[in-house]
Structures are given as C-alpha cells and as structure tokens.
Amino acid sequence: MIDKGLAPERAELIRGVILEKMSKSFLHTKLTDALIEFLRGAVGGMFWIRQEAPLTLKDSEPEPDISIVDGRRDDYC
C-alpha cells in the first residue's frame, strides 16, 4: 500500500487501521532511552525490554516506543 501511495510513507497497522507514525524529537528519544534504562534495572532479567520494535499481535502489528515482554530475548525465535 505504501509503494502504491495508498498509505503514508511512515505508517503502521493497528487493528486494521493504517496510522501515520509521528516523528520523534531529541527530547522524545532522550526520555525513551532514560525510561528503558530504568525499566531494565527495575525488572532485571525477568522481562525483555524492547525499544521501537514491532509486536505481532492477533489483529495488528504496532511499533511502540517501549514494550515489556514476558520472558527473555532468547525465549523468542
């Protein structure tokens, strides 16, 4: 759809709706990095803290700034 000009260049599909991704400012990036460092220290190795990575769900594939996933990175293929 992006190649045919039917969706924005920077888009993601959430529950069947195409949404344009917002641009990120320096402050946004700095705060996201700080929060990830905090979360990694807070949860230890019990969860996988992911940054700007797609999550494949039943009805969508959002790309959140931060996601906290049950288990460790090696638990996923």
PDB file of N, CA and C in Angstrom:
ATOM      1  N   MET A   1       0.820  -1.194   0.000  1.00  0.00           N
ATOM      2  CA  MET A   1       0.000   0.000   0.000  1.00  0.00           C
ATOM      3  C   MET A   1       0.864   1.258   0.000  1.00  0.00           C
ATOM      4  N   ILE A   2       1.967   1.211   0.746  1.00  0.00           N
ATOM      5  CA  ILE A   2       2.865   2.366   0.783  1.00  0.00           C
ATOM      6  C   ILE A   2       3.461   2.592  -0.601  1.00  0.00           C
ATOM      7  N   ASP A   3       3.909   1.498  -1.255  1.00  0.00           N
ATOM      8  CA  ASP A   3       4.505   1.605  -2.591  1.00  0.00           C
ATOM      9  C   ASP A   3       3.537   2.188  -3.616  1.00  0.00           C
ATOM     10  N   LYS A   4       2.247   1.946  -3.439  1.00  0.00           N
ATOM     11  CA  LYS A   4       1.237   2.438  -4.387  1.00  0.00           C
ATOM     12  C   LYS A   4       0.690   3.813  -3.999  1.00  0.00           C
ATOM     13  N   GLY A   5       1.208   4.379  -2.894  1.00  0.00           N
ATOM     14  CA  GLY A   5       0.777   5.704  -2.476  1.00  0.00           C
ATOM     15  C   GLY A   5      -0.555   5.721  -1.745  1.00  0.00           C
ATOM     16  N   LEU A   6      -1.008   4.547  -1.286  1.00  0.00           N
ATOM     17  CA  LEU A   6      -2.294   4.453  -0.592  1.00  0.00           C
ATOM     18  C   LEU A   6      -2.167   4.623   0.920  1.00  0.00           C
ATOM     19  N   ALA A   7      -0.943   4.634   1.416  1.00  0.00           N
ATOM     20  CA  ALA A   7      -0.703   4.802   2.853  1.00  0.00           C
ATOM     21  C   ALA A   7       0.507   5.715   3.017  1.00  0.00           C
ATOM     22  N   PRO A   8       0.593   6.412   4.143  1.00  0.00           N
ATOM     23  CA  PRO A   8       1.750   7.283   4.391  1.00  0.00           C
ATOM     24  C   PRO A   8       3.058   6.498   4.374  1.00  0.00           C
ATOM     25  N   GLU A   9       4.133   7.169   4.034  1.00  0.00           N
ATOM     26  CA  GLU A   9       5.457   6.533   3.985  1.00  0.00           C
ATOM     27  C   GLU A   9       5.826   5.906   5.330  1.00  0.00           C
ATOM     28  N   ARG A  10       5.545   6.623   6.394  1.00  0.00           N
ATOM     29  CA  ARG A  10       5.809   6.113   7.755  1.00  0.00           C
ATOM     30  C   ARG A  10       4.475   5.749   8.380  1.00  0.00           C
ATOM     31  N   ALA A  11       4.079   4.483   8.220  1.00  0.00           N
ATOM     32  CA  ALA A  11       2.765   4.049   8.695  1.00  0.00           C
ATOM     33  C   ALA A  11       2.887   2.747   9.464  1.00  0.00           C
ATOM     34  N   GLU A  12       1.866   2.486  10.278  1.00  0.00           N
ATOM     35  CA  GLU A  12       1.767   1.198  10.953  1.00  0.00           C
ATOM     36  C   GLU A  12       0.307   0.772  10.966  1.00  0.00           C
ATOM     37  N   LEU A  13       0.085  -0.522  11.012  1.00  0.00           N
ATOM     38  CA  LEU A  13      -1.259  -1.080  11.006  1.00  0.00           C
ATOM     39  C   LEU A  13      -1.641  -1.457  12.427  1.00  0.00           C
ATOM     40  N   ILE A  14      -2.701  -0.846  12.936  1.00  0.00           N
ATOM     41  CA  ILE A  14      -3.186  -1.140  14.276  1.00  0.00           C
ATOM     42  C   ILE A  14      -4.670  -1.471  14.182  1.00  0.00           C
ATOM     43  N   ARG A  15      -4.979  -2.739  14.486  1.00  0.00           N
ATOM     44  CA  ARG A  15      -6.358  -3.235  14.454  1.00  0.00           C
ATOM     45  C   ARG A  15      -7.077  -2.887  13.159  1.00  0.00           C
ATOM     46  N   GLY A  16      -6.388  -3.088  12.050  1.00  0.00           N
ATOM     47  CA  GLY A  16      -6.991  -2.881  10.745  1.00  0.00           C
ATOM     48  C   GLY A  16      -7.016  -1.437  10.276  1.00  0.00           C
ATOM     49  N   VAL A  17      -6.431  -0.531  11.041  1.00  0.00           N
ATOM     50  CA  VAL A  17      -6.412   0.885  10.679  1.00  0.00           C
ATOM     51  C   VAL A  17      -4.968   1.304  10.419  1.00  0.00           C
ATOM     52  N   ILE A  18      -4.735   1.944   9.275  1.00  0.00           N
ATOM     53  CA  ILE A  18      -3.397   2.443   8.952  1.00  0.00           C
ATOM     54  C   ILE A  18      -3.239   3.823   9.587  1.00  0.00           C
ATOM     55  N   LEU A  19      -2.226   3.960  10.437  1.00  0.00           N
ATOM     56  CA  LEU A  19      -1.950   5.223  11.122  1.00  0.00           C
ATOM     57  C   LEU A  19      -0.563   5.712  10.760  1.00  0.00           C
ATOM     58  N   GLU A  20      -0.439   7.008  10.547  1.00  0.00           N
ATOM     59  CA  GLU A  20       0.864   7.594  10.262  1.00  0.00           C
ATOM     60  C   GLU A  20       1.650   7.715  11.558  1.00  0.00           C
ATOM     61  N   LYS A  21       2.902   7.275  11.522  1.00  0.00           N
ATOM     62  CA  LYS A  21       3.761   7.387  12.697  1.00  0.00           C
ATOM     63  C   LYS A  21       4.183   8.833  12.886  1.00  0.00           C
ATOM     64  N   MET A  22       4.316   9.227  14.137  1.00  0.00           N
ATOM     65  CA  MET A  22       4.755  10.579  14.454  1.00  0.00           C
ATOM     66  C   MET A  22       6.281  10.642  14.387  1.00  0.00           C
ATOM     67  N   SER A  23       6.800  11.793  14.041  1.00  0.00           N
ATOM     68  CA  SER A  23       8.252  11.971  14.068  1.00  0.00           C
ATOM     69  C   SER A  23       8.699  12.096  15.527  1.00  0.00           C
ATOM     70  N   LYS A  24       9.971  11.804  15.764  1.00  0.00           N
ATOM     71  CA  LYS A  24      10.496  11.821  17.126  1.00  0.00           C
ATOM     72  C   LYS A  24      11.458  12.978  17.301  1.00  0.00           C
ATOM     73  N   SER A  25      11.303  13.679  18.398  1.00  0.00           N
ATOM     74  CA  SER A  25      12.201  14.783  18.712  1.00  0.00           C
ATOM     75  C   SER A  25      13.382  14.262  19.537  1.00  0.00           C
ATOM     76  N   PHE A  26      14.372  15.115  19.729  1.00  0.00           N
ATOM     77  CA  PHE A  26      15.510  14.757  20.574  1.00  0.00           C
ATOM     78  C   PHE A  26      15.032  14.461  21.992  1.00  0.00           C
ATOM     79  N   LEU A  27      14.114  15.272  22.518  1.00  0.00           N
ATOM     80  CA  LEU A  27      13.593  15.062  23.876  1.00  0.00           C
ATOM     81  C   LEU A  27      12.890  13.714  23.977  1.00  0.00           C
ATOM     82  N   HIS A  28      12.099  13.369  22.981  1.00  0.00           N
ATOM     83  CA  HIS A  28      11.400  12.083  22.960  1.00  0.00           C
ATOM     84  C   HIS A  28      12.415  10.933  23.044  1.00  0.00           C
ATOM     85  N   THR A  29      13.447  10.997  22.228  1.00  0.00           N
ATOM     86  CA  THR A  29      14.468   9.953  22.204  1.00  0.00           C
ATOM     87  C   THR A  29      15.208   9.864  23.532  1.00  0.00           C
ATOM     88  N   LYS A  30      15.555  11.010  24.092  1.00  0.00           N
ATOM     89  CA  LYS A  30      16.267  11.051  25.376  1.00  0.00           C
ATOM     90  C   LYS A  30      15.423  10.445  26.502  1.00  0.00           C
ATOM     91  N   LEU A  31      14.148  10.806  26.551  1.00  0.00           N
ATOM     92  CA  LEU A  31      13.266  10.278  27.593  1.00  0.00           C
ATOM     93  C   LEU A  31      13.023   8.782  27.424  1.00  0.00           C
ATOM     94  N   THR A  32      12.876   8.342  26.184  1.00  0.00           N
ATOM     95  CA  THR A  32      12.689   6.914  25.923  1.00  0.00           C
ATOM     96  C   THR A  32      13.912   6.132  26.382  1.00  0.00           C
ATOM     97  N   ASP A  33      15.099   6.601  26.055  1.00  0.00           N
ATOM     98  CA  ASP A  33      16.334   5.931  26.488  1.00  0.00           C
ATOM     99  C   ASP A  33      16.432   5.868  28.012  1.00  0.00           C
ATOM    100  N   ALA A  34      16.109   6.966  28.683  1.00  0.00           N
ATOM    101  CA  ALA A  34      16.167   7.001  30.152  1.00  0.00           C
ATOM    102  C   ALA A  34      15.167   6.018  30.758  1.00  0.00           C
ATOM    103  N   LEU A  35      13.978   5.960  30.194  1.00  0.00           N
ATOM    104  CA  LEU A  35      12.953   5.048  30.716  1.00  0.00           C
ATOM    105  C   LEU A  35      13.369   3.594  30.500  1.00  0.00           C
ATOM    106  N   ILE A  36      13.962   3.289  29.378  1.00  0.00           N
ATOM    107  CA  ILE A  36      14.420   1.922  29.115  1.00  0.00           C
ATOM    108  C   ILE A  36      15.500   1.519  30.119  1.00  0.00           C
ATOM    109  N   GLU A  37      16.446   2.394  30.378  1.00  0.00           N
ATOM    110  CA  GLU A  37      17.482   2.103  31.375  1.00  0.00           C
ATOM    111  C   GLU A  37      16.858   1.838  32.737  1.00  0.00           C
ATOM    112  N   PHE A  38      15.900   2.675  33.127  1.00  0.00           N
ATOM    113  CA  PHE A  38      15.219   2.497  34.406  1.00  0.00           C
ATOM    114  C   PHE A  38      14.499   1.153  34.456  1.00  0.00           C
ATOM    115  N   LEU A  39      13.739   0.838  33.394  1.00  0.00           N
ATOM    116  CA  LEU A  39      12.967  -0.410  33.376  1.00  0.00           C
ATOM    117  C   LEU A  39      13.865  -1.638  33.411  1.00  0.00           C
ATOM    118  N   ARG A  40      14.966  -1.617  32.676  1.00  0.00           N
ATOM    119  CA  ARG A  40      15.891  -2.753  32.691  1.00  0.00           C
ATOM    120  C   ARG A  40      16.436  -2.984  34.096  1.00  0.00           C
ATOM    121  N   GLY A  41      16.732  -1.917  34.814  1.00  0.00           N
ATOM    122  CA  GLY A  41      17.202  -2.053  36.186  1.00  0.00           C
ATOM    123  C   GLY A  41      16.101  -2.514  37.130  1.00  0.00           C
ATOM    124  N   ALA A  42      14.875  -2.080  36.873  1.00  0.00           N
ATOM    125  CA  ALA A  42      13.767  -2.400  37.761  1.00  0.00           C
ATOM    126  C   ALA A  42      13.275  -3.839  37.626  1.00  0.00           C
ATOM    127  N   VAL A  43      13.266  -4.368  36.413  1.00  0.00           N
ATOM    128  CA  VAL A  43      12.712  -5.714  36.211  1.00  0.00           C
ATOM    129  C   VAL A  43      13.786  -6.787  36.111  1.00  0.00           C
ATOM    130  N   GLY A  44      15.049  -6.377  36.062  1.00  0.00           N
ATOM    131  CA  GLY A  44      16.132  -7.347  35.971  1.00  0.00           C
ATOM    132  C   GLY A  44      16.005  -8.188  34.723  1.00  0.00           C
ATOM    133  N   GLY A  45      16.235  -9.480  34.845  1.00  0.00           N
ATOM    134  CA  GLY A  45      16.171 -10.378  33.703  1.00  0.00           C
ATOM    135  C   GLY A  45      14.831 -11.072  33.548  1.00  0.00           C
ATOM    136  N   MET A  46      13.816 -10.632  34.295  1.00  0.00           N
ATOM    137  CA  MET A  46      12.519 -11.319  34.248  1.00  0.00           C
ATOM    138  C   MET A  46      11.729 -11.002  32.981  1.00  0.00           C
ATOM    139  N   PHE A  47      11.991  -9.847  32.372  1.00  0.00           N
ATOM    140  CA  PHE A  47      11.251  -9.429  31.187  1.00  0.00           C
ATOM    141  C   PHE A  47      12.224  -8.920  30.129  1.00  0.00           C
ATOM    142  N   TRP A  48      11.760  -8.944  28.899  1.00  0.00           N
ATOM    143  CA  TRP A  48      12.534  -8.408  27.779  1.00  0.00           C
ATOM    144  C   TRP A  48      12.030  -7.000  27.514  1.00  0.00           C
ATOM    145  N   ILE A  49      12.873  -6.004  27.696  1.00  0.00           N
ATOM    146  CA  ILE A  49      12.525  -4.608  27.424  1.00  0.00           C
ATOM    147  C   ILE A  49      12.959  -4.315  25.995  1.00  0.00           C
ATOM    148  N   ARG A  50      11.999  -3.988  25.133  1.00  0.00           N
ATOM    149  CA  ARG A  50      12.273  -3.775  23.712  1.00  0.00           C
ATOM    150  C   ARG A  50      12.035  -2.318  23.349  1.00  0.00           C
ATOM    151  N   GLN A  51      12.833  -1.801  22.427  1.00  0.00           N
ATOM    152  CA  GLN A  51      12.704  -0.405  22.004  1.00  0.00           C
ATOM    153  C   GLN A  51      12.402  -0.335  20.515  1.00  0.00           C
ATOM    154  N   GLU A  52      11.309   0.351  20.191  1.00  0.00           N
ATOM    155  CA  GLU A  52      10.905   0.615  18.810  1.00  0.00           C
ATOM    156  C   GLU A  52      10.952  -0.633  17.931  1.00  0.00           C
ATOM    157  N   ALA A  53      10.391  -1.715  18.445  1.00  0.00           N
ATOM    158  CA  ALA A  53      10.357  -2.973  17.701  1.00  0.00           C
ATOM    159  C   ALA A  53       8.893  -3.385  17.509  1.00  0.00           C
ATOM    160  N   PRO A  54       8.548  -3.931  16.340  1.00  0.00           N
ATOM    161  CA  PRO A  54       7.162  -4.319  16.107  1.00  0.00           C
ATOM    162  C   PRO A  54       6.735  -5.482  16.991  1.00  0.00           C
ATOM    163  N   LEU A  55       5.486  -5.437  17.405  1.00  0.00           N
ATOM    164  CA  LEU A  55       4.871  -6.526  18.162  1.00  0.00           C
ATOM    165  C   LEU A  55       3.804  -7.154  17.261  1.00  0.00           C
ATOM    166  N   THR A  56       3.933  -8.421  16.978  1.00  0.00           N
ATOM    167  CA  THR A  56       2.939  -9.089  16.149  1.00  0.00           C
ATOM    168  C   THR A  56       1.836  -9.602  17.058  1.00  0.00           C
ATOM    169  N   LEU A  57       0.675  -8.982  16.949  1.00  0.00           N
ATOM    170  CA  LEU A  57      -0.491  -9.354  17.737  1.00  0.00           C
ATOM    171  C   LEU A  57      -1.522 -10.027  16.822  1.00  0.00           C
ATOM    172  N   LYS A  58      -2.595 -10.480  17.407  1.00  0.00           N
ATOM    173  CA  LYS A  58      -3.637 -11.176  16.643  1.00  0.00           C
ATOM    174  C   LYS A  58      -4.183 -10.325  15.500  1.00  0.00           C
ATOM    175  N   ASP A  59      -4.434  -9.049  15.762  1.00  0.00           N
ATOM    176  CA  ASP A  59      -5.099  -8.218  14.761  1.00  0.00           C
ATOM    177  C   ASP A  59      -4.319  -6.973  14.348  1.00  0.00           C
ATOM    178  N   SER A  60      -3.053  -6.879  14.733  1.00  0.00           N
ATOM    179  CA  SER A  60      -2.272  -5.700  14.355  1.00  0.00           C
ATOM    180  C   SER A  60      -0.788  -5.947  14.605  1.00  0.00           C
ATOM    181  N   GLU A  61       0.010  -5.000  14.175  1.00  0.00           N
ATOM    182  CA  GLU A  61       1.449  -5.066  14.405  1.00  0.00           C
ATOM    183  C   GLU A  61       1.980  -3.676  14.720  1.00  0.00           C
ATOM    184  N   PRO A  62       1.661  -3.182  15.928  1.00  0.00           N
ATOM    185  CA  PRO A  62       2.126  -1.842  16.305  1.00  0.00           C
ATOM    186  C   PRO A  62       3.631  -1.847  16.571  1.00  0.00           C
ATOM    187  N   GLU A  63       4.211  -0.659  16.550  1.00  0.00           N
ATOM    188  CA  GLU A  63       5.627  -0.468  16.830  1.00  0.00           C
ATOM    189  C   GLU A  63       5.751   0.538  17.976  1.00  0.00           C
ATOM    190  N   PRO A  64       5.518   0.089  19.209  1.00  0.00           N
ATOM    191  CA  PRO A  64       5.574   1.026  20.337  1.00  0.00           C
ATOM    192  C   PRO A  64       6.995   1.496  20.615  1.00  0.00           C
ATOM    193  N   ASP A  65       7.114   2.637  21.264  1.00  0.00           N
ATOM    194  CA  ASP A  65       8.433   3.145  21.646  1.00  0.00           C
ATOM    195  C   ASP A  65       9.120   2.164  22.584  1.00  0.00           C
ATOM    196  N   ILE A  66       8.357   1.627  23.537  1.00  0.00           N
ATOM    197  CA  ILE A  66       8.880   0.669  24.513  1.00  0.00           C
ATOM    198  C   ILE A  66       7.836  -0.425  24.708  1.00  0.00           C
ATOM    199  N   SER A  67       8.306  -1.656  24.775  1.00  0.00           N
ATOM    200  CA  SER A  67       7.411  -2.747  25.148  1.00  0.00           C
ATOM    201  C   SER A  67       8.119  -3.614  26.183  1.00  0.00           C
ATOM    202  N   ILE A  68       7.342  -4.152  27.096  1.00  0.00           N
ATOM    203  CA  ILE A  68       7.854  -5.044  28.130  1.00  0.00           C
ATOM    204  C   ILE A  68       7.234  -6.405  27.844  1.00  0.00           C
ATOM    205  N   VAL A  69       8.081  -7.360  27.465  1.00  0.00           N
ATOM    206  CA  VAL A  69       7.612  -8.666  27.016  1.00  0.00           C
ATOM    207  C   VAL A  69       7.991  -9.719  28.048  1.00  0.00           C
ATOM    208  N   ASP A  70       7.030 -10.586  28.349  1.00  0.00           N
ATOM    209  CA  ASP A  70       7.255 -11.655  29.326  1.00  0.00           C
ATOM    210  C   ASP A  70       8.359 -12.588  28.842  1.00  0.00           C
ATOM    211  N   GLY A  71       9.287 -12.909  29.690  1.00  0.00           N
ATOM    212  CA  GLY A  71      10.374 -13.803  29.337  1.00  0.00           C
ATOM    213  C   GLY A  71      11.622 -13.057  28.898  1.00  0.00           C
ATOM    214  N   ARG A  72      12.564 -13.819  28.383  1.00  0.00           N
ATOM    215  CA  ARG A  72      13.843 -13.246  27.936  1.00  0.00           C
ATOM    216  C   ARG A  72      13.922 -13.253  26.420  1.00  0.00           C
ATOM    217  N   ARG A  73      14.847 -12.481  25.881  1.00  0.00           N
ATOM    218  CA  ARG A  73      15.029 -12.405  24.432  1.00  0.00           C
ATOM    219  C   ARG A  73      15.219 -13.784  23.821  1.00  0.00           C
ATOM    220  N   ASP A  74      15.984 -14.628  24.473  1.00  0.00           N
ATOM    221  CA  ASP A  74      16.271 -15.964  23.943  1.00  0.00           C
ATOM    222  C   ASP A  74      15.043 -16.878  23.934  1.00  0.00           C
ATOM    223  N   ASP A  75      13.978 -16.482  24.629  1.00  0.00           N
ATOM    224  CA  ASP A  75      12.742 -17.283  24.636  1.00  0.00           C
ATOM    225  C   ASP A  75      11.975 -17.168  23.330  1.00  0.00           C
ATOM    226  N   TYR A  76      12.343 -16.196  22.489  1.00  0.00           N
ATOM    227  CA  TYR A  76      11.630 -15.935  21.245  1.00  0.00           C
ATOM    228  C   TYR A  76      12.542 -16.234  20.057  1.00  0.00           C
ATOM    229  N   CYS A  77      11.939 -16.752  19.007  1.00  0.00           N
ATOM    230  CA  CYS A  77      12.710 -17.083  17.789  1.00  0.00           C
ATOM    231  C   CYS A  77      12.915 -15.870  16.926  1.00  0.00           C
TER     232      CYS A  77
END
